[in-house]
Amino acid sequence: GWALSKLPSSAMPSMPAATRTWADAEEAMGDLGELLRELVDDGGFDGGLRDQGGLRVLVALLHTGPSSRAALSAVDAVATLSRKDGSHGDALREAGGIAPLVALLGAGAESEAAELAAGALASLARVNPANKDAIREAGGIAPLVALLGAGAESEAVAPLAALLGAGAESEVAQEAAGALLSLAGNEDGIKAVLEGLSCAVPEGDLFFERLCARLRRRAAGLLEAAAAGADAAALERAIERAVFVRVGAEPMRRARARLDELRAEAEGRARREYLELAAVSPPADFLCPITMEAMRDPVVASDGHTYERVAIEAVLREASPLSPLTREPLRPDALFANRALRNRIEAHEGEVLRLAARAAETAVSRALGDAAAEGGGGGEWGGLQPPPGL
């Protein structure tokens, strides 16, 4: 296995000890830090080298100061290790790695070392309660709050938010909630906290309830906006955040139903593209007058016309909604599912796909037969294969 004695001699200065200067030693430590970081990135650090002193060396290099090349390489390596799995997080804590990471936060919002240290602490805090407690005991909350005040929300929110996972009875979670509540005093702060959440806000403590209430309204708005769009990944993230701050059941139900629709639409598009149906236009009455795309959930508005639900709901959220077609005022409370049209759309889509699949299967069978008749047989019939799933 790996051992520190096997590291290349280039990681240490070659001149006699009597002639070495601090600059020489600093250069050597920088080289060693970069070497260890490369081993971490390549997977060569795991196992033997880590357990035979490599981790202790990384932790020692963290103490060389936020402006040193050695510390930057070491904190980068530690941040990578902390994201890999829980065993690295436990080993880093046991090797004394949390205190120097907290110390690096003091370099301030402009420091690359502080940014990397905040990311490493965020990953460590997600691993287990022992790491959360160790961050607090090392004085980690105060410098994280200081980073918030210096405008480093994106770096400092994540480790504070991760500390909430310690649970309602944990003092560290309560202190983190208080710090996040202070940050969430305006819309920019609320946005930063929501984006940094990686677990649910605990229940019970006053700080938790106030923080959750402050975030919930924004999360519900983001959820509604994402559900009105067509980005499934954005909607998944909005649903996750909404769960973290306990948005109401009905908005969650609508969002999850919309996510199911988006996934079904993506699957349908993939099938249409595979069967070369992307350019085939649906009947005109299947198109939403707003989006000019085939409707999935057609509804009738108070103007008597049919629209895609999410498209007309976006219109109805306006201050004085008007019909996109007649420009007459719309009643926000009057939307009725057009089930007959929806059934027609689904039946038409299914029939088109069925006929296209049959045509593709027939074409492949004929091509295979022609290849066999021309003597191009073999295991793959001249390179032709039936389309998957047909």
Protein backbone atom coordinates (compact mmCIF):
# COMPACT_ATOMS: atom_id res chain seq x y z
CA GLY A 1 0.00 0.00 0.00
CA TRP A 2 0.86 3.66 -0.17
CA ALA A 3 3.04 5.23 2.48
CA LEU A 4 4.35 8.77 2.85
CA SER A 5 7.89 7.47 2.37
CA LYS A 6 6.93 6.61 -1.20
CA LEU A 7 6.13 10.22 -2.12
CA PRO A 8 8.53 11.60 -4.77
CA SER A 9 11.64 13.28 -3.44
CA SER A 10 10.73 16.34 -5.53
CA ALA A 11 8.15 17.13 -2.86
CA MET A 12 11.03 18.16 -0.57
CA PRO A 13 13.88 20.62 -1.23
CA SER A 14 17.11 18.97 -2.35
CA MET A 15 19.63 21.35 -0.74
CA PRO A 16 21.35 20.51 2.59
CA ALA A 17 19.32 21.28 5.68
CA ALA A 18 21.78 23.94 6.83
CA THR A 19 21.22 26.04 3.71
CA ARG A 20 17.43 25.78 3.58
CA THR A 21 15.40 28.94 4.08
CA TRP A 22 11.78 29.42 5.10
CA ALA A 23 11.01 30.17 1.45
CA ASP A 24 12.48 26.80 0.48
CA ALA A 25 10.38 25.03 3.09
CA GLU A 26 7.27 26.91 2.02
CA GLU A 27 7.92 25.92 -1.59
CA ALA A 28 8.34 22.28 -0.56
CA MET A 29 5.12 22.33 1.45
CA GLY A 30 3.33 23.85 -1.53
CA ASP A 31 4.62 21.07 -3.78
CA LEU A 32 3.56 18.46 -1.23
CA GLY A 33 0.09 19.98 -0.95
CA GLU A 34 -0.37 19.97 -4.71
CA LEU A 35 0.80 16.37 -4.94
CA LEU A 36 -1.66 15.25 -2.27
CA ARG A 37 -4.46 17.20 -3.93
CA GLU A 38 -3.74 15.46 -7.25
CA LEU A 39 -3.78 12.07 -5.51
CA VAL A 40 -7.15 12.91 -3.95
CA ASP A 41 -8.55 13.98 -7.33
CA ASP A 42 -7.26 10.81 -9.01
CA GLY A 43 -8.45 8.45 -6.27
CA GLY A 44 -4.91 7.46 -5.27
CA PHE A 45 -5.30 8.91 -1.79
CA ASP A 46 -8.06 6.58 -0.60
CA GLY A 47 -7.22 3.64 1.61
CA GLY A 48 -3.55 3.08 2.37
CA LEU A 49 -2.14 6.57 1.95
CA ARG A 50 -4.96 8.16 3.87
CA ASP A 51 -4.57 5.80 6.82
CA GLN A 52 -0.75 5.82 6.84
CA GLY A 53 -0.37 9.50 7.60
CA GLY A 54 -1.61 11.23 4.47
CA LEU A 55 -4.64 12.71 6.18
CA ARG A 56 -2.56 14.03 9.08
CA VAL A 57 -0.24 15.74 6.60
CA LEU A 58 -3.21 17.39 4.86
CA VAL A 59 -4.51 18.65 8.20
CA ALA A 60 -1.06 19.96 9.10
CA LEU A 61 -0.87 21.86 5.81
CA LEU A 62 -4.18 23.58 6.63
CA HIS A 63 -2.30 25.41 9.38
CA THR A 64 0.14 27.11 6.97
CA GLY A 65 -2.11 30.15 6.44
CA PRO A 66 -4.87 31.14 4.00
CA SER A 67 -2.47 32.78 1.53
CA SER A 68 -0.07 29.85 1.29
CA ARG A 69 -0.06 27.52 -1.71
CA ALA A 70 0.13 24.55 0.66
CA ALA A 71 -3.04 25.53 2.53
CA LEU A 72 -4.97 26.23 -0.68
CA SER A 73 -4.06 22.82 -2.08
CA ALA A 74 -4.81 21.12 1.23
CA VAL A 75 -8.21 22.76 1.73
CA ASP A 76 -9.12 21.95 -1.87
CA ALA A 77 -8.18 18.31 -1.26
CA VAL A 78 -10.09 18.23 2.04
CA ALA A 79 -13.17 19.72 0.36
CA THR A 80 -13.04 16.97 -2.26
CA LEU A 81 -12.60 14.25 0.37
CA SER A 82 -15.48 15.59 2.46
CA ARG A 83 -17.82 15.24 -0.52
CA LYS A 84 -16.86 11.63 -1.27
CA ASP A 85 -18.31 9.60 1.61
CA GLY A 86 -18.97 9.61 5.33
CA SER A 87 -15.82 7.72 6.30
CA HIS A 88 -13.62 10.55 5.03
CA GLY A 89 -15.67 13.01 7.07
CA ASP A 90 -15.24 11.00 10.25
CA ALA A 91 -11.52 10.58 9.62
CA LEU A 92 -11.06 14.31 8.99
CA ARG A 93 -12.80 15.17 12.25
CA GLU A 94 -10.78 12.61 14.21
CA ALA A 95 -7.55 13.95 12.65
CA GLY A 96 -8.38 17.44 13.91
CA GLY A 97 -9.30 18.86 10.52
CA ILE A 98 -12.33 20.91 11.54
CA ALA A 99 -10.57 23.52 13.70
CA PRO A 100 -8.13 24.66 10.96
CA LEU A 101 -10.99 24.79 8.45
CA VAL A 102 -12.88 27.10 10.79
CA ALA A 103 -9.72 29.19 11.22
CA LEU A 104 -9.48 29.62 7.44
CA LEU A 105 -12.95 31.20 7.43
CA GLY A 106 -11.39 34.18 9.17
CA ALA A 107 -9.55 35.12 5.97
CA GLY A 108 -12.77 36.81 4.82
CA ALA A 109 -15.16 36.85 1.90
CA GLU A 110 -12.49 37.63 -0.70
CA SER A 111 -10.31 34.66 0.24
CA GLU A 112 -10.31 31.55 -1.92
CA ALA A 113 -9.23 29.54 1.12
CA ALA A 114 -12.27 30.75 3.09
CA GLU A 115 -14.59 29.83 0.22
CA LEU A 116 -13.13 26.33 -0.05
CA ALA A 117 -13.21 25.90 3.73
CA ALA A 118 -16.89 26.88 3.84
CA GLY A 119 -17.66 24.28 1.18
CA ALA A 120 -15.73 21.60 3.06
CA LEU A 121 -17.55 22.44 6.31
CA ALA A 122 -20.89 22.24 4.51
CA SER A 123 -20.09 18.73 3.28
CA LEU A 124 -18.79 17.65 6.70
CA ALA A 125 -21.90 19.00 8.43
CA ARG A 126 -24.12 16.85 6.22
CA VAL A 127 -22.33 13.64 7.23
CA ASN A 128 -23.36 13.17 10.87
CA PRO A 129 -24.24 15.02 14.10
CA ALA A 130 -20.72 14.61 15.49
CA ASN A 131 -19.32 16.81 12.73
CA LYS A 132 -22.02 19.42 13.32
CA ASP A 133 -21.17 19.58 17.01
CA ALA A 134 -17.44 19.74 16.22
CA ILE A 135 -17.99 22.74 13.92
CA ARG A 136 -19.86 24.56 16.66
CA GLU A 137 -17.31 23.64 19.33
CA ALA A 138 -14.53 24.97 17.08
CA GLY A 139 -16.34 28.31 16.93
CA GLY A 140 -17.51 27.85 13.36
CA ILE A 141 -20.84 29.67 13.52
CA ALA A 142 -19.44 33.14 14.28
CA PRO A 143 -17.07 33.32 11.27
CA LEU A 144 -19.80 31.92 9.01
CA VAL A 145 -22.13 34.68 10.17
CA ALA A 146 -19.30 37.17 9.59
CA LEU A 147 -18.99 35.88 6.03
CA LEU A 148 -22.72 36.45 5.58
CA GLY A 149 -22.30 40.04 6.69
CA ALA A 150 -19.41 40.52 4.27
CA GLY A 151 -21.53 39.46 1.32
CA ALA A 152 -20.38 35.85 0.97
CA GLU A 153 -23.89 34.38 1.15
CA SER A 154 -23.31 31.68 -1.45
CA GLU A 155 -20.34 30.25 0.48
CA ALA A 156 -21.57 30.73 4.04
CA VAL A 157 -25.23 29.73 3.76
CA ALA A 158 -24.57 26.10 2.80
CA PRO A 159 -22.66 25.08 5.96
CA LEU A 160 -25.08 26.97 8.20
CA ALA A 161 -28.07 25.38 6.47
CA ALA A 162 -26.48 21.94 6.78
CA LEU A 163 -26.20 22.47 10.54
CA LEU A 164 -30.02 22.52 10.71
CA GLY A 165 -29.87 18.78 10.14
CA ALA A 166 -28.68 18.31 13.72
CA GLY A 167 -32.36 18.42 14.72
CA ALA A 168 -34.70 20.49 16.85
CA GLU A 169 -33.06 19.52 20.15
CA SER A 170 -29.58 20.49 19.02
CA GLU A 171 -28.06 23.76 20.18
CA VAL A 172 -25.96 23.93 17.03
CA ALA A 173 -29.10 23.77 14.85
CA GLN A 174 -30.76 26.48 16.93
CA GLU A 175 -27.76 28.80 16.58
CA ALA A 176 -27.61 28.16 12.84
CA ALA A 177 -31.34 28.91 12.51
CA GLY A 178 -30.85 32.20 14.33
CA ALA A 179 -28.04 33.19 11.97
CA LEU A 180 -30.06 32.22 8.89
CA LEU A 181 -33.10 34.08 10.21
CA SER A 182 -31.00 37.23 10.46
CA LEU A 183 -29.84 36.77 6.88
CA ALA A 184 -33.40 36.20 5.61
CA GLY A 185 -34.42 39.77 6.43
CA ASN A 186 -34.94 40.77 2.80
CA GLU A 187 -35.76 39.14 -0.52
CA ASP A 188 -32.12 38.65 -1.51
CA GLY A 189 -31.37 37.02 1.83
CA ILE A 190 -34.43 34.77 1.64
CA LYS A 191 -33.37 33.66 -1.83
CA ALA A 192 -29.83 32.89 -0.63
CA VAL A 193 -31.08 30.83 2.32
CA LEU A 194 -33.55 28.87 0.19
CA GLU A 195 -30.88 28.05 -2.36
CA GLY A 196 -28.54 26.90 0.40
CA LEU A 197 -30.98 24.54 2.13
CA SER A 198 -29.96 20.89 2.00
CA CYS A 199 -32.38 19.52 4.62
CA ALA A 200 -35.75 20.31 6.16
CA VAL A 201 -36.02 23.11 8.71
CA PRO A 202 -36.70 21.36 12.05
CA GLU A 203 -39.97 21.89 13.89
CA GLY A 204 -40.57 23.10 17.42
CA ASP A 205 -38.14 25.86 18.34
CA LEU A 206 -39.25 29.48 17.80
CA PHE A 207 -36.26 30.22 15.57
CA PHE A 208 -37.13 27.23 13.38
CA GLU A 209 -40.78 28.25 13.03
CA ARG A 210 -39.96 31.88 12.24
CA LEU A 211 -37.33 30.86 9.71
CA CYS A 212 -39.69 28.38 8.06
CA ALA A 213 -42.52 30.94 7.86
CA ARG A 214 -40.20 33.53 6.34
CA LEU A 215 -39.00 31.12 3.67
CA ARG A 216 -42.33 29.43 2.93
CA ARG A 217 -43.95 32.26 0.98
CA ARG A 218 -40.96 32.61 -1.34
CA ALA A 219 -40.72 28.84 -1.78
CA ALA A 220 -44.42 28.66 -2.68
CA GLY A 221 -43.95 31.40 -5.28
CA LEU A 222 -40.95 29.64 -6.79
CA LEU A 223 -42.92 26.39 -6.82
CA GLU A 224 -45.82 28.01 -8.67
CA ALA A 225 -43.50 29.66 -11.19
CA ALA A 226 -41.62 26.42 -11.84
CA ALA A 227 -44.90 24.53 -12.29
CA ALA A 228 -45.96 27.09 -14.88
CA GLY A 229 -42.81 26.43 -16.89
CA ALA A 230 -41.48 23.45 -18.78
CA ASP A 231 -38.19 22.76 -16.97
CA ALA A 232 -38.56 19.48 -15.08
CA ALA A 233 -35.22 19.86 -13.28
CA ALA A 234 -36.15 23.33 -12.01
CA LEU A 235 -39.51 22.01 -10.81
CA GLU A 236 -37.85 19.10 -9.00
CA ARG A 237 -35.59 21.53 -7.14
CA ALA A 238 -38.54 23.81 -6.32
CA ILE A 239 -40.46 20.83 -4.93
CA GLU A 240 -37.47 19.85 -2.79
CA ARG A 241 -37.19 23.35 -1.32
CA ALA A 242 -40.94 23.49 -0.73
CA VAL A 243 -40.73 20.23 1.23
CA PHE A 244 -37.89 21.66 3.34
CA VAL A 245 -40.07 24.60 4.48
CA ARG A 246 -43.41 22.73 4.62
CA VAL A 247 -45.38 24.41 1.83
CA GLY A 248 -49.09 23.47 1.89
CA ALA A 249 -50.45 20.17 0.59
CA GLU A 250 -52.48 21.53 -2.34
CA PRO A 251 -49.62 23.48 -4.03
CA MET A 252 -47.42 20.42 -3.55
CA ARG A 253 -50.03 18.16 -5.15
CA ARG A 254 -50.34 20.44 -8.18
CA ALA A 255 -46.57 20.71 -8.54
CA ARG A 256 -46.06 16.95 -8.39
CA ALA A 257 -48.85 16.42 -10.92
CA ARG A 258 -47.19 18.95 -13.21
CA LEU A 259 -43.84 17.17 -12.79
CA ASP A 260 -45.49 13.91 -13.85
CA GLU A 261 -46.85 15.70 -16.92
CA LEU A 262 -43.44 17.12 -17.83
CA ARG A 263 -41.84 13.70 -17.53
CA ALA A 264 -44.58 12.15 -19.66
CA GLU A 265 -44.15 14.91 -22.24
CA ALA A 266 -40.39 14.31 -22.35
CA GLU A 267 -40.95 10.60 -22.84
CA GLY A 268 -43.48 11.29 -25.58
CA ARG A 269 -41.10 13.68 -27.34
CA ALA A 270 -38.34 11.09 -27.19
CA ARG A 271 -40.61 8.48 -28.78
CA ARG A 272 -41.77 10.93 -31.46
CA GLU A 273 -38.18 11.88 -32.28
CA TYR A 274 -37.16 8.23 -32.40
CA LEU A 275 -40.00 7.49 -34.80
CA GLU A 276 -39.20 10.68 -36.77
CA LEU A 277 -42.53 12.28 -35.89
CA ALA A 278 -41.10 15.53 -34.51
CA ALA A 279 -42.16 17.45 -37.62
CA VAL A 280 -45.70 16.02 -37.68
CA SER A 281 -48.09 18.76 -36.54
CA PRO A 282 -51.14 17.89 -34.44
CA PRO A 283 -54.61 19.09 -35.49
CA ALA A 284 -55.07 22.84 -35.05
CA ASP A 285 -57.74 22.49 -32.36
CA PHE A 286 -55.25 20.57 -30.20
CA LEU A 287 -52.95 23.61 -29.98
CA CYS A 288 -53.06 26.08 -27.10
CA PRO A 289 -53.72 29.62 -28.46
CA ILE A 290 -51.10 30.97 -26.03
CA THR A 291 -48.19 28.54 -26.44
CA MET A 292 -49.11 27.16 -29.89
CA GLU A 293 -48.11 23.73 -28.60
CA ALA A 294 -50.25 20.61 -28.22
CA MET A 295 -52.22 20.76 -24.98
CA ARG A 296 -51.80 18.19 -22.22
CA ASP A 297 -54.30 19.60 -19.72
CA PRO A 298 -56.87 21.63 -21.71
CA VAL A 299 -59.26 23.84 -19.73
CA VAL A 300 -62.09 26.16 -20.74
CA ALA A 301 -61.84 29.75 -19.47
CA SER A 302 -64.69 32.21 -18.93
CA ASP A 303 -64.29 33.48 -22.52
CA GLY A 304 -65.43 30.07 -23.76
CA HIS A 305 -62.06 29.19 -25.32
CA THR A 306 -59.77 26.29 -24.43
CA TYR A 307 -56.17 26.76 -23.26
CA GLU A 308 -53.36 24.75 -21.67
CA ARG A 309 -53.98 25.01 -17.92
CA VAL A 310 -50.57 26.34 -16.86
CA ALA A 311 -50.60 28.91 -19.68
CA ILE A 312 -54.00 30.41 -18.87
CA GLU A 313 -53.33 30.25 -15.13
CA ALA A 314 -50.31 32.50 -15.72
CA VAL A 315 -52.66 34.99 -17.44
CA LEU A 316 -55.18 34.77 -14.60
CA ARG A 317 -52.49 35.72 -12.08
CA GLU A 318 -52.22 39.15 -13.69
CA ALA A 319 -53.87 42.13 -11.99
CA SER A 320 -56.71 42.48 -14.52
CA PRO A 321 -56.62 39.36 -16.68
CA LEU A 322 -57.94 39.64 -20.22
CA SER A 323 -58.76 36.92 -22.71
CA PRO A 324 -55.81 36.29 -25.05
CA LEU A 325 -58.31 35.88 -27.90
CA THR A 326 -61.26 38.22 -27.27
CA ARG A 327 -59.61 40.70 -24.83
CA GLU A 328 -62.66 40.53 -22.59
CA PRO A 329 -62.10 40.36 -18.80
CA LEU A 330 -61.54 36.84 -17.51
CA ARG A 331 -62.94 35.43 -14.28
CA PRO A 332 -60.04 33.96 -12.26
CA ASP A 333 -62.37 31.48 -10.56
CA ALA A 334 -63.80 30.03 -13.79
CA LEU A 335 -61.67 27.23 -15.22
CA PHE A 336 -63.20 23.93 -16.28
CA ALA A 337 -61.38 20.83 -17.48
CA ASN A 338 -62.08 20.05 -21.15
CA ARG A 339 -62.09 16.30 -20.65
CA ALA A 340 -63.55 15.53 -24.07
CA LEU A 341 -60.73 17.35 -25.84
CA ARG A 342 -58.12 15.79 -23.57
CA ASN A 343 -59.41 12.32 -24.41
CA ARG A 344 -59.25 13.14 -28.13
CA ILE A 345 -55.67 14.44 -27.82
CA GLU A 346 -54.52 11.35 -25.93
CA ALA A 347 -56.26 9.00 -28.35
CA HIS A 348 -54.76 10.80 -31.35
CA GLU A 349 -51.25 10.74 -29.88
CA GLY A 350 -51.53 7.05 -29.08
CA GLU A 351 -52.78 6.20 -32.57
CA VAL A 352 -50.02 8.22 -34.28
CA LEU A 353 -47.34 6.52 -32.20
CA ARG A 354 -48.87 3.08 -32.79
CA LEU A 355 -49.02 3.54 -36.57
CA ALA A 356 -45.50 4.99 -36.70
CA ALA A 357 -44.12 2.11 -34.64
CA ARG A 358 -45.83 -0.41 -36.91
CA ALA A 359 -44.45 1.34 -40.00
CA ALA A 360 -40.94 1.37 -38.53
CA GLU A 361 -41.18 -2.31 -37.64
CA THR A 362 -42.37 -3.16 -41.15
CA ALA A 363 -39.55 -1.14 -42.73
CA VAL A 364 -36.94 -2.88 -40.59
CA SER A 365 -38.36 -6.32 -41.38
CA ARG A 366 -38.27 -5.57 -45.11
CA ALA A 367 -34.71 -4.27 -44.89
CA LEU A 368 -33.62 -7.38 -43.02
CA GLY A 369 -35.30 -9.58 -45.59
CA ASP A 370 -33.65 -7.71 -48.48
CA ALA A 371 -30.25 -8.00 -46.80
CA ALA A 372 -30.71 -11.75 -46.32
CA ALA A 373 -31.85 -12.24 -49.92
CA GLU A 374 -28.78 -10.40 -51.24
CA GLY A 375 -26.44 -12.66 -49.27
CA GLY A 376 -25.65 -10.07 -46.64
CA GLY A 377 -26.82 -12.34 -43.87
CA GLY A 378 -24.98 -13.00 -40.69
CA GLY A 379 -25.41 -12.43 -37.06
CA GLU A 380 -26.45 -8.81 -37.61
CA TRP A 381 -28.12 -9.12 -41.04
CA GLY A 382 -25.65 -6.89 -42.80
CA GLY A 383 -25.43 -4.43 -39.92
CA LEU A 384 -29.19 -3.81 -39.66
CA GLN A 385 -30.92 -4.20 -36.34
CA PRO A 386 -34.56 -3.78 -35.36
CA PRO A 387 -35.21 -0.57 -33.43
CA PRO A 388 -35.22 -1.14 -29.66
CA GLY A 389 -38.64 -1.74 -28.20
CA LEU A 390 -40.23 -2.75 -31.49
